[in-house]
Amino acid sequence: MTTYDIIGDIHGEAGKLRGLLNTLGYKPDVDGVFRHETNTAVFVGDFIDRGSQQWEVYQIVRPMVEKGGALAVAGNHEFNAIGYATPHPEGTDYLRPHDGPWGPKNLKQHKDFLQQIPFGSPEHREIIAWFTTLPLFLELDDLRVVHACWHQPSIDVLKAAGLAEGLTTLEAIYAAYDAFGTTPALNAAIEMVLKGPEIPVGNYGGFYDKDENYRTDARLRWWLSGETRLRELADIPLNKQGELQLPDIDLALDPSLLYPATAQPVFFGHYWRTGEPVLIGARAVCVDYSAAREGHPLMAYRYRAGDDLAQSNFVSFVG
């Protein structure tokens, strides 16, 4: 059985990526491509935005994938970048708008990427083309990998649409962004696996997220199989929990939204954990520990197929 090193959201931190790969025992070969003698690296997406070395991250990760030393899935930031770069089929703006009411927010989220890799440049076209080849999820031996949420009904929709291997055609990209047209179920499935489910908390007040955006919906802790209480299922950052008081009540929830305790182990990023790494679910491991923040680590989890999940398998590099 293969040993996998599942690596969290990098967000342009090439220095932390090199340091983590070295810590894990990956060394450059004669072509400068990082390899491990026996293990395979698996990246959970979100290679871009925020950090100052986004092109360098791409130059490390893509050769690893193409030379067979690594696997990778797309994150929501890669999906957003594809939409920002793809003209709308009706000729009005882009799939992820540059103008109108959403334009300023979309640009704010993407500006670091565009400053480093200018829009429409050869490098921009190259990296966007690679993003379209990234699978939306992986099933490997006895483990699963997804960027934000393993929701089996959504995975099934993506499989049926032939999109498990990525948004490799223009028609697939159009369909993936068609939230209100002929393929809303497909768009909803992509939103689920790349961004995760949310639950409304506005009846109890709102809160400001890590980027100081005001929220009345909270991310759902879908990894807590069997949990029913709103206070436990709403994923509010610790430093934001004082901004609203959630009651300790049962939440009526579609059971398919919670990951089964008997399912294969699933590895994901997206959730900006902080502090010491912990196993946050019975069969779920988050490897995103806010690497884009100064002083926070890029995290990995070393998993050999068939082994029990263990706290000691986390590996980190802060730099």
Protein backbone atom coordinates (compact mmCIF):
# COMPACT_ATOMS: atom_id res chain seq x y z
CA MET A 1 0.00 0.00 0.00
CA THR A 2 1.16 3.54 -0.82
CA THR A 3 1.94 6.06 1.88
CA TYR A 4 0.39 9.45 1.15
CA ASP A 5 1.48 12.82 2.44
CA ILE A 6 -1.64 15.00 2.26
CA ILE A 7 -0.61 18.68 2.18
CA GLY A 8 -2.86 21.58 3.13
CA ASP A 9 -3.73 24.89 1.47
CA ILE A 10 -0.51 26.62 0.36
CA HIS A 11 -1.85 30.03 -0.77
CA GLY A 12 1.35 31.20 -2.43
CA GLU A 13 3.73 30.27 0.41
CA ALA A 14 6.47 28.61 -1.64
CA GLY A 15 9.05 28.91 1.15
CA LYS A 16 6.83 26.98 3.55
CA LEU A 17 6.11 24.42 0.82
CA ARG A 18 9.81 23.76 0.20
CA GLY A 19 10.44 23.52 3.93
CA LEU A 20 7.57 21.08 4.45
CA LEU A 21 8.63 18.91 1.51
CA ASN A 22 12.16 18.74 2.92
CA THR A 23 10.80 17.87 6.36
CA LEU A 24 8.73 15.07 4.82
CA GLY A 25 11.80 13.68 3.01
CA TYR A 26 11.10 14.95 -0.52
CA LYS A 27 14.26 15.92 -2.40
CA PRO A 28 14.78 17.54 -5.83
CA ASP A 29 15.80 15.11 -8.57
CA VAL A 30 18.17 15.93 -11.42
CA ASP A 31 15.42 18.04 -13.02
CA GLY A 32 14.73 19.90 -9.79
CA VAL A 33 11.41 18.12 -9.19
CA PHE A 34 10.67 17.17 -5.58
CA ARG A 35 10.29 13.41 -5.10
CA HIS A 36 10.10 10.92 -2.24
CA GLU A 37 11.63 7.47 -2.55
CA THR A 38 8.39 5.73 -1.59
CA ASN A 39 5.63 8.23 -0.75
CA THR A 40 3.19 10.23 -2.87
CA ALA A 41 2.28 13.81 -2.03
CA VAL A 42 -1.38 14.82 -2.31
CA PHE A 43 -2.31 18.51 -2.48
CA VAL A 44 -5.80 19.57 -1.37
CA GLY A 45 -5.95 22.73 -3.52
CA ASP A 46 -5.86 26.49 -2.88
CA PHE A 47 -2.40 26.99 -4.32
CA ILE A 48 -3.00 30.68 -5.05
CA ASP A 49 -4.20 34.01 -3.62
CA ARG A 50 -2.91 35.69 -0.44
CA GLY A 51 0.82 34.77 -0.46
CA SER A 52 3.71 36.44 -2.28
CA GLN A 53 5.12 33.41 -4.19
CA GLN A 54 2.17 32.09 -6.15
CA TRP A 55 4.00 31.44 -9.43
CA GLU A 56 6.75 29.67 -7.49
CA VAL A 57 4.19 27.37 -5.85
CA TYR A 58 2.87 26.47 -9.30
CA GLN A 59 6.41 25.77 -10.51
CA ILE A 60 6.93 23.33 -7.64
CA VAL A 61 3.57 21.55 -7.66
CA ARG A 62 2.82 21.07 -11.34
CA PRO A 63 6.06 19.19 -12.17
CA MET A 64 5.54 16.98 -9.13
CA VAL A 65 2.10 16.04 -10.44
CA GLU A 66 3.19 15.60 -14.06
CA LYS A 67 6.21 13.48 -13.12
CA GLY A 68 4.07 11.14 -11.00
CA GLY A 69 5.35 12.14 -7.56
CA ALA A 70 2.18 13.90 -6.49
CA LEU A 71 -1.57 14.18 -6.95
CA ALA A 72 -3.70 17.29 -6.56
CA VAL A 73 -7.32 18.41 -6.43
CA ALA A 74 -8.73 21.84 -7.18
CA GLY A 75 -9.71 24.25 -4.43
CA ASN A 76 -12.29 27.00 -4.48
CA HIS A 77 -9.57 29.57 -5.28
CA GLU A 78 -8.63 27.67 -8.45
CA PHE A 79 -12.31 27.40 -9.37
CA ASN A 80 -12.74 31.14 -8.80
CA ALA A 81 -9.67 31.89 -10.92
CA ILE A 82 -11.07 29.83 -13.81
CA GLY A 83 -14.34 31.77 -13.64
CA TYR A 84 -12.54 35.12 -13.40
CA ALA A 85 -10.57 34.28 -16.55
CA THR A 86 -13.45 32.89 -18.63
CA PRO A 87 -15.67 35.30 -20.60
CA HIS A 88 -19.40 34.83 -20.09
CA PRO A 89 -20.95 32.91 -23.02
CA GLU A 90 -23.47 35.73 -23.52
CA GLY A 91 -20.63 38.21 -23.95
CA THR A 92 -21.41 40.10 -20.77
CA ASP A 93 -18.46 40.36 -18.40
CA TYR A 94 -16.88 37.09 -17.12
CA LEU A 95 -18.29 34.03 -15.38
CA ARG A 96 -16.90 35.45 -12.14
CA PRO A 97 -17.77 39.11 -12.69
CA HIS A 98 -15.19 41.87 -12.93
CA ASP A 99 -17.86 44.58 -12.86
CA GLY A 100 -21.22 45.20 -11.23
CA PRO A 101 -22.03 44.72 -7.55
CA TRP A 102 -19.78 41.66 -7.17
CA GLY A 103 -16.80 43.05 -9.08
CA PRO A 104 -15.01 44.84 -6.19
CA LYS A 105 -15.27 41.84 -3.86
CA ASN A 106 -14.10 39.41 -6.54
CA LEU A 107 -11.12 41.63 -7.35
CA LYS A 108 -10.23 42.07 -3.68
CA GLN A 109 -10.10 38.29 -3.21
CA HIS A 110 -7.99 37.82 -6.37
CA LYS A 111 -5.79 40.92 -6.45
CA ASP A 112 -2.62 39.32 -5.01
CA PHE A 113 -2.75 36.65 -7.70
CA LEU A 114 -3.29 39.20 -10.49
CA GLN A 115 -0.48 41.43 -9.22
CA GLN A 116 1.94 38.51 -9.45
CA ILE A 117 0.49 36.87 -12.57
CA PRO A 118 -1.04 39.64 -14.69
CA PHE A 119 -4.43 38.98 -16.25
CA GLY A 120 -4.14 37.71 -19.83
CA SER A 121 -0.35 37.23 -19.71
CA PRO A 122 1.16 33.99 -21.07
CA GLU A 123 1.80 32.89 -17.49
CA HIS A 124 -1.82 33.61 -16.56
CA ARG A 125 -3.17 31.58 -19.49
CA GLU A 126 -0.79 28.74 -18.65
CA ILE A 127 -1.73 28.46 -14.99
CA ILE A 128 -5.47 28.77 -15.65
CA ALA A 129 -5.23 25.98 -18.24
CA TRP A 130 -3.56 23.78 -15.62
CA PHE A 131 -6.26 24.55 -13.06
CA THR A 132 -8.86 23.13 -15.45
CA THR A 133 -7.08 19.75 -15.41
CA LEU A 134 -7.26 19.34 -11.62
CA PRO A 135 -9.71 16.71 -10.37
CA LEU A 136 -12.49 17.87 -8.07
CA PHE A 137 -11.94 14.93 -5.71
CA LEU A 138 -9.86 11.76 -5.40
CA GLU A 139 -10.58 8.22 -4.25
CA LEU A 140 -7.30 6.43 -3.46
CA ASP A 141 -6.90 3.00 -1.89
CA ASP A 142 -9.01 3.41 1.26
CA LEU A 143 -8.95 7.20 1.53
CA ARG A 144 -10.71 10.16 -0.01
CA VAL A 145 -9.42 13.66 -0.75
CA VAL A 146 -11.48 16.78 -1.44
CA HIS A 147 -10.90 20.47 -0.91
CA ALA A 148 -13.80 21.38 1.37
CA CYS A 149 -16.50 18.71 1.84
CA TRP A 150 -17.10 15.10 0.93
CA HIS A 151 -20.86 15.08 0.32
CA GLN A 152 -21.74 11.83 -1.41
CA PRO A 153 -24.83 13.11 -3.30
CA SER A 154 -22.74 15.95 -4.75
CA ILE A 155 -19.88 13.58 -5.60
CA ASP A 156 -22.39 11.40 -7.45
CA VAL A 157 -23.65 14.41 -9.45
CA LEU A 158 -20.10 15.27 -10.50
CA LYS A 159 -19.39 11.68 -11.49
CA ALA A 160 -22.59 11.48 -13.55
CA ALA A 161 -21.66 14.71 -15.35
CA GLY A 162 -18.17 13.38 -16.13
CA LEU A 163 -16.47 16.14 -14.13
CA ALA A 164 -14.55 14.04 -11.63
CA GLU A 165 -11.35 14.71 -13.60
CA GLY A 166 -11.80 18.47 -13.73
CA LEU A 167 -13.28 21.25 -15.87
CA THR A 168 -11.38 20.24 -18.97
CA THR A 169 -13.71 21.74 -21.60
CA LEU A 170 -15.27 25.15 -22.06
CA GLU A 171 -18.70 23.54 -21.94
CA ALA A 172 -17.86 22.01 -18.56
CA ILE A 173 -16.75 25.39 -17.21
CA TYR A 174 -19.97 27.04 -18.42
CA ALA A 175 -22.04 24.28 -16.84
CA ALA A 176 -20.13 24.50 -13.57
CA TYR A 177 -20.93 28.21 -13.27
CA ASP A 178 -24.56 27.91 -14.39
CA ALA A 179 -26.20 28.50 -11.00
CA PHE A 180 -29.58 29.58 -12.35
CA GLY A 181 -29.81 28.03 -15.80
CA THR A 182 -29.97 24.48 -17.09
CA THR A 183 -27.42 22.90 -14.72
CA PRO A 184 -28.08 24.29 -11.22
CA ALA A 185 -27.57 20.89 -9.59
CA LEU A 186 -24.07 20.70 -11.06
CA ASN A 187 -23.16 24.17 -9.83
CA ALA A 188 -24.55 23.32 -6.38
CA ALA A 189 -22.46 20.13 -6.29
CA ILE A 190 -19.26 22.01 -7.12
CA GLU A 191 -20.06 24.69 -4.54
CA MET A 192 -20.56 21.92 -1.97
CA VAL A 193 -17.30 20.04 -2.55
CA LEU A 194 -15.12 23.14 -3.08
CA LYS A 195 -16.66 25.53 -0.52
CA GLY A 196 -18.63 23.33 1.87
CA PRO A 197 -22.15 23.60 3.30
CA GLU A 198 -23.35 26.50 5.42
CA ILE A 199 -26.19 26.96 7.89
CA PRO A 200 -28.04 30.18 8.75
CA VAL A 201 -27.31 31.79 12.12
CA GLY A 202 -28.75 35.25 11.43
CA ASN A 203 -31.58 34.74 13.91
CA TYR A 204 -28.96 34.90 16.66
CA GLY A 205 -26.86 37.71 15.20
CA GLY A 206 -23.97 37.78 12.73
CA PHE A 207 -20.19 37.71 12.93
CA TYR A 208 -17.14 38.91 11.01
CA ASP A 209 -15.03 36.23 9.33
CA LYS A 210 -11.23 36.12 9.04
CA ASP A 211 -11.35 38.65 6.18
CA GLU A 212 -13.71 40.94 8.14
CA ASN A 213 -16.69 40.16 5.94
CA TYR A 214 -19.97 40.20 7.88
CA ARG A 215 -21.65 36.78 7.89
CA THR A 216 -25.08 35.54 8.85
CA ASP A 217 -24.32 31.99 7.67
CA ALA A 218 -21.77 29.75 9.35
CA ARG A 219 -19.83 26.89 7.83
CA LEU A 220 -21.21 23.52 8.83
CA ARG A 221 -18.94 21.08 10.67
CA TRP A 222 -19.94 18.29 8.33
CA TRP A 223 -17.22 16.03 9.72
CA LEU A 224 -19.07 15.60 13.07
CA SER A 225 -20.96 12.44 12.20
CA GLY A 226 -24.02 11.96 14.40
CA GLU A 227 -23.96 15.48 15.89
CA THR A 228 -27.28 17.35 16.03
CA ARG A 229 -26.69 20.51 18.10
CA LEU A 230 -26.49 23.88 16.42
CA ARG A 231 -23.79 25.16 18.76
CA GLU A 232 -21.50 22.26 17.83
CA LEU A 233 -22.29 22.16 14.13
CA ALA A 234 -21.77 25.88 13.40
CA ASP A 235 -18.09 26.46 12.64
CA ILE A 236 -17.47 29.92 14.11
CA PRO A 237 -13.81 30.99 14.54
CA LEU A 238 -12.84 30.99 18.21
CA ASN A 239 -12.02 34.69 18.21
CA LYS A 240 -15.44 35.46 16.68
CA GLN A 241 -17.66 33.35 18.90
CA GLY A 242 -18.35 36.23 21.27
CA GLU A 243 -20.08 38.13 18.47
CA LEU A 244 -23.17 35.91 18.63
CA GLN A 245 -24.62 33.50 21.16
CA LEU A 246 -25.88 30.29 19.60
CA PRO A 247 -28.45 28.33 21.59
CA ASP A 248 -27.73 24.71 22.50
CA ILE A 249 -30.61 23.31 20.44
CA ASP A 250 -31.02 20.43 18.03
CA LEU A 251 -30.73 21.33 14.35
CA ALA A 252 -33.00 19.74 11.76
CA LEU A 253 -30.43 18.65 9.20
CA ASP A 254 -30.32 16.43 6.13
CA PRO A 255 -28.34 13.39 7.38
CA SER A 256 -26.42 13.22 4.08
CA LEU A 257 -24.62 16.44 5.05
CA LEU A 258 -22.73 14.70 7.88
CA TYR A 259 -19.86 12.35 7.07
CA PRO A 260 -20.57 8.76 8.19
CA ALA A 261 -18.43 7.45 11.03
CA THR A 262 -18.02 4.16 9.14
CA ALA A 263 -16.87 5.70 5.85
CA GLN A 264 -13.35 5.78 4.45
CA PRO A 265 -11.02 8.40 5.96
CA VAL A 266 -11.39 11.74 4.20
CA PHE A 267 -8.73 14.46 4.01
CA PHE A 268 -9.50 18.09 3.20
CA GLY A 269 -8.36 21.70 3.62
CA HIS A 270 -10.29 24.99 3.38
CA TYR A 271 -11.23 25.55 7.03
CA TRP A 272 -8.37 27.73 8.35
CA ARG A 273 -7.75 25.84 11.58
CA THR A 274 -5.34 27.30 14.13
CA GLY A 275 -3.39 25.97 17.11
CA GLU A 276 -2.15 22.44 17.54
CA PRO A 277 -3.45 20.07 14.85
CA VAL A 278 -6.22 17.75 15.98
CA LEU A 279 -8.29 14.97 14.48
CA ILE A 280 -11.54 16.89 14.13
CA GLY A 281 -13.77 13.96 13.15
CA ALA A 282 -14.02 10.22 13.61
CA ARG A 283 -12.97 9.67 9.98
CA ALA A 284 -11.98 13.17 8.90
CA VAL A 285 -8.68 15.08 8.85
CA CYS A 286 -8.32 18.78 8.04
CA VAL A 287 -4.83 19.80 6.91
CA ASP A 288 -5.45 23.54 6.51
CA TYR A 289 -3.80 25.42 9.39
CA SER A 290 -3.74 28.94 7.94
CA ALA A 291 -0.37 28.78 6.18
CA ALA A 292 -0.96 32.15 4.54
CA ARG A 293 -0.71 33.84 7.94
CA GLU A 294 2.70 34.78 9.29
CA GLY A 295 3.80 32.38 11.99
CA HIS A 296 1.25 29.72 11.04
CA PRO A 297 2.32 26.36 9.62
CA LEU A 298 1.84 24.60 6.35
CA MET A 299 0.48 21.25 7.48
CA ALA A 300 0.59 17.71 6.17
CA TYR A 301 -0.72 14.38 7.36
CA ARG A 302 1.21 11.17 6.60
CA TYR A 303 -1.22 8.34 5.92
CA ARG A 304 -0.54 4.74 5.03
CA ALA A 305 -3.57 2.98 3.64
CA GLY A 306 -5.21 0.81 6.26
CA ASP A 307 -3.72 2.55 9.29
CA ASP A 308 -5.82 4.11 12.03
CA LEU A 309 -5.88 7.89 12.16
CA ALA A 310 -3.47 9.24 14.76
CA GLN A 311 -2.53 12.67 16.09
CA SER A 312 1.15 11.83 15.73
CA ASN A 313 0.91 11.67 11.91
CA PHE A 314 0.65 15.43 11.46
CA VAL A 315 3.81 17.07 10.10
CA SER A 316 4.20 20.86 9.94
CA PHE A 317 6.62 23.54 8.80
CA VAL A 318 6.44 27.17 9.92
CA GLY A 319 9.71 28.60 8.61
